[in-house]
Protein backbone atom coordinates (compact mmCIF):
# COMPACT_ATOMS: atom_id res chain seq x y z
CA UNK A 1 13.20 -70.75 65.11
CA UNK A 2 11.48 -73.53 67.19
CA UNK A 3 10.32 -76.71 65.32
CA UNK A 4 7.06 -77.43 66.67
CA UNK A 5 4.16 -79.99 66.11
CA UNK A 6 1.18 -77.67 66.56
CA UNK A 7 -2.28 -77.66 65.10
CA UNK A 8 -4.75 -74.55 66.29
CA UNK A 9 -7.91 -76.49 65.34
CA UNK A 10 -7.06 -78.67 68.52
CA UNK A 11 -6.84 -76.11 71.15
CA UNK A 12 -8.95 -73.48 72.17
CA UNK A 13 -8.22 -70.37 71.39
CA UNK A 14 -6.81 -67.73 73.89
CA UNK A 15 -9.59 -64.86 74.21
CA UNK A 16 -8.37 -61.38 74.53
CA UNK A 17 -8.59 -59.91 77.97
CA UNK A 18 -10.61 -56.66 78.66
CA UNK A 19 -9.34 -53.51 80.43
CA UNK A 20 -9.87 -53.29 83.72
CA UNK A 21 -13.24 -51.80 84.22
CA UNK A 22 -13.35 -48.63 86.48
CA UNK A 23 -14.23 -49.49 90.31
CA UNK A 24 -12.84 -50.26 93.32
CA UNK A 25 -10.53 -54.19 93.39
CA UNK A 26 -9.23 -56.18 96.07
CA UNK A 27 -5.42 -56.89 95.14
CA UNK A 28 -2.45 -58.04 96.45
CA UNK A 29 1.28 -56.31 95.68
CA UNK A 30 2.78 -58.76 93.90
CA UNK A 31 6.36 -57.09 93.04
CA UNK A 32 8.12 -54.07 93.67
CA UNK A 33 11.12 -52.83 91.48
CA UNK A 34 13.23 -49.96 91.59
CA UNK A 35 14.20 -48.34 87.89
CA UNK A 36 16.13 -45.73 86.10
CA UNK A 37 13.71 -43.52 84.27
CA UNK A 38 13.62 -43.25 80.64
CA UNK A 39 15.55 -39.42 80.60
CA UNK A 40 18.07 -41.51 82.95
CA UNK A 41 18.11 -38.48 85.36
CA UNK A 42 15.92 -40.35 88.50
CA UNK A 43 14.80 -43.83 89.44
CA UNK A 44 11.08 -44.86 90.21
CA UNK A 45 9.55 -47.83 91.96
CA UNK A 46 7.56 -49.76 89.78
CA UNK A 47 4.22 -51.42 91.92
CA UNK A 48 2.47 -54.53 90.71
CA UNK A 49 -0.54 -55.34 91.71
CA UNK A 50 -2.48 -58.24 90.87
CA UNK A 51 -6.14 -59.52 90.95
CA UNK A 52 -7.25 -62.64 92.43
CA UNK A 53 -8.41 -64.13 88.51
CA UNK A 54 -4.40 -62.85 87.52
CA UNK A 55 -5.02 -59.73 86.24
CA UNK A 56 -2.22 -57.11 86.99
CA UNK A 57 -1.88 -53.38 87.19
CA UNK A 58 1.15 -51.08 87.76
CA UNK A 59 1.79 -47.85 89.39
CA UNK A 60 5.08 -46.10 88.97
CA UNK A 61 6.31 -43.65 91.88
CA UNK A 62 8.67 -41.19 90.89
CA UNK A 63 10.93 -41.44 94.34
CA UNK A 64 14.03 -40.28 92.82
CA UNK A 65 13.57 -36.87 90.34
CA UNK A 66 14.43 -33.40 89.54
CA UNK A 67 10.98 -32.44 89.57
CA UNK A 68 9.84 -31.88 93.58
CA UNK A 69 6.38 -32.02 92.42
CA UNK A 70 6.61 -35.68 91.32
CA UNK A 71 8.90 -36.78 94.29
CA UNK A 72 5.75 -35.18 96.35
CA UNK A 73 3.12 -37.36 94.45
CA UNK A 74 5.31 -40.08 94.81
CA UNK A 75 6.14 -40.14 98.65
CA UNK A 76 2.49 -38.98 99.31
CA UNK A 77 1.12 -42.09 96.88
CA UNK A 78 3.34 -44.46 99.26
CA UNK A 79 2.14 -43.14 102.63
CA UNK A 80 -1.35 -44.14 101.40
CA UNK A 81 -0.38 -47.67 100.23
CA UNK A 82 1.58 -48.51 103.75
CA UNK A 83 -1.18 -47.07 105.86
CA UNK A 84 -3.93 -49.09 103.06
CA UNK A 85 -1.36 -52.15 104.15
CA UNK A 86 -1.21 -51.32 107.91
CA UNK A 87 2.31 -50.98 107.66
CA UNK A 88 3.98 -47.52 108.78
CA UNK A 89 7.66 -47.78 108.61
CA UNK A 90 9.62 -49.79 105.46
CA UNK A 91 13.09 -50.24 105.25
CA UNK A 92 12.53 -52.24 101.55
CA UNK A 93 9.44 -51.69 99.49
CA UNK A 94 9.58 -55.85 99.26
CA UNK A 95 8.37 -55.51 102.73
CA UNK A 96 4.81 -54.58 100.84
CA UNK A 97 4.87 -57.84 98.90
CA UNK A 98 1.79 -60.37 99.64
CA UNK A 99 -0.33 -57.80 101.53
CA UNK A 100 -3.39 -56.94 100.35
CA UNK A 101 -5.10 -53.39 99.28
CA UNK A 102 -7.87 -52.18 97.80
CA UNK A 103 -7.43 -50.08 94.64
CA UNK A 104 -9.64 -47.15 93.15
CA UNK A 105 -9.17 -48.00 89.54
CA UNK A 106 -10.15 -44.89 86.58
CA UNK A 107 -9.64 -44.90 83.06
CA UNK A 108 -7.63 -42.07 81.63
CA UNK A 109 -6.89 -40.85 77.99
CA UNK A 110 -2.94 -41.46 77.16
CA UNK A 111 -1.01 -38.25 76.16
CA UNK A 112 0.76 -39.99 73.61
CA UNK A 113 -1.93 -42.43 71.93
CA UNK A 114 -5.33 -40.69 73.07
CA UNK A 115 -6.59 -44.27 74.11
CA UNK A 116 -8.08 -44.93 77.42
CA UNK A 117 -5.79 -46.76 79.96
CA UNK A 118 -6.66 -48.00 83.23
CA UNK A 119 -5.13 -45.78 86.09
CA UNK A 120 -4.78 -46.10 90.14
CA UNK A 121 -6.07 -43.38 91.63
CA UNK A 122 -6.65 -44.34 95.44
CA UNK A 123 -5.40 -46.67 97.69
CA UNK A 124 -7.60 -47.90 100.75
CA UNK A 125 -7.23 -50.63 103.33
CA UNK A 126 -9.48 -54.01 103.25
CA UNK A 127 -12.98 -53.87 104.29
CA UNK A 128 -12.47 -54.88 108.08
CA UNK A 129 -8.85 -54.14 108.08
CA UNK A 130 -7.24 -52.37 111.30
CA UNK A 131 -6.40 -48.80 110.03
CA UNK A 132 -2.58 -48.24 110.21
CA UNK A 133 -1.51 -46.72 113.58
CA UNK A 134 1.24 -44.22 112.85
CA UNK A 135 4.40 -44.71 115.12
CA UNK A 136 4.49 -44.04 118.67
CA UNK A 137 7.10 -40.97 118.47
CA UNK A 138 9.47 -41.00 121.76
CA UNK A 139 7.95 -38.87 124.67
CA UNK A 140 9.96 -35.50 124.75
CA UNK A 141 12.36 -35.46 127.69
CA UNK A 142 11.71 -32.86 130.18
CA UNK A 143 13.82 -29.58 129.91
CA UNK A 144 16.45 -29.46 132.73
CA UNK A 145 15.96 -27.53 135.27
CA UNK A 146 18.42 -24.78 135.45
CA UNK A 147 20.69 -25.02 138.62
CA UNK A 148 19.71 -22.71 141.48
CA UNK A 149 22.72 -20.97 142.98
CA UNK A 150 21.77 -22.19 146.56
CA UNK A 151 22.10 -25.57 145.33
CA UNK A 152 25.63 -25.75 144.03
CA UNK A 153 27.53 -28.62 145.62
């Protein structure tokens, strides 16, 4: 219990926030965290995004999951996020924190409740940002020429 002298009539109440509307928004990657799945047989990356007005939205990437399709979707999504941020290689998802990205938000019905829920359906680079370029691959070494019999030392 917290003892407090408080009169609600003296304070303007917090207004209920409306859900995200469908659309494309500029956000910043606010946090990334690896979490255990509910079933305990895998992990996912929880990606937290924040709009300029403080509104947040999350996307979960099933990076370690027995369902190969879920892992494929997660890795393709992470590729889209990295490219939108202009970062082609990372060793820790925290390297993405603070980077700006455009997200395409759509409304979907939740399977468990039937309520509409905002979901991220796409990622892109902010306008004016240079697109990420794939990392340069090392040049292939030319194949060694076979020694000719008359060239023996």
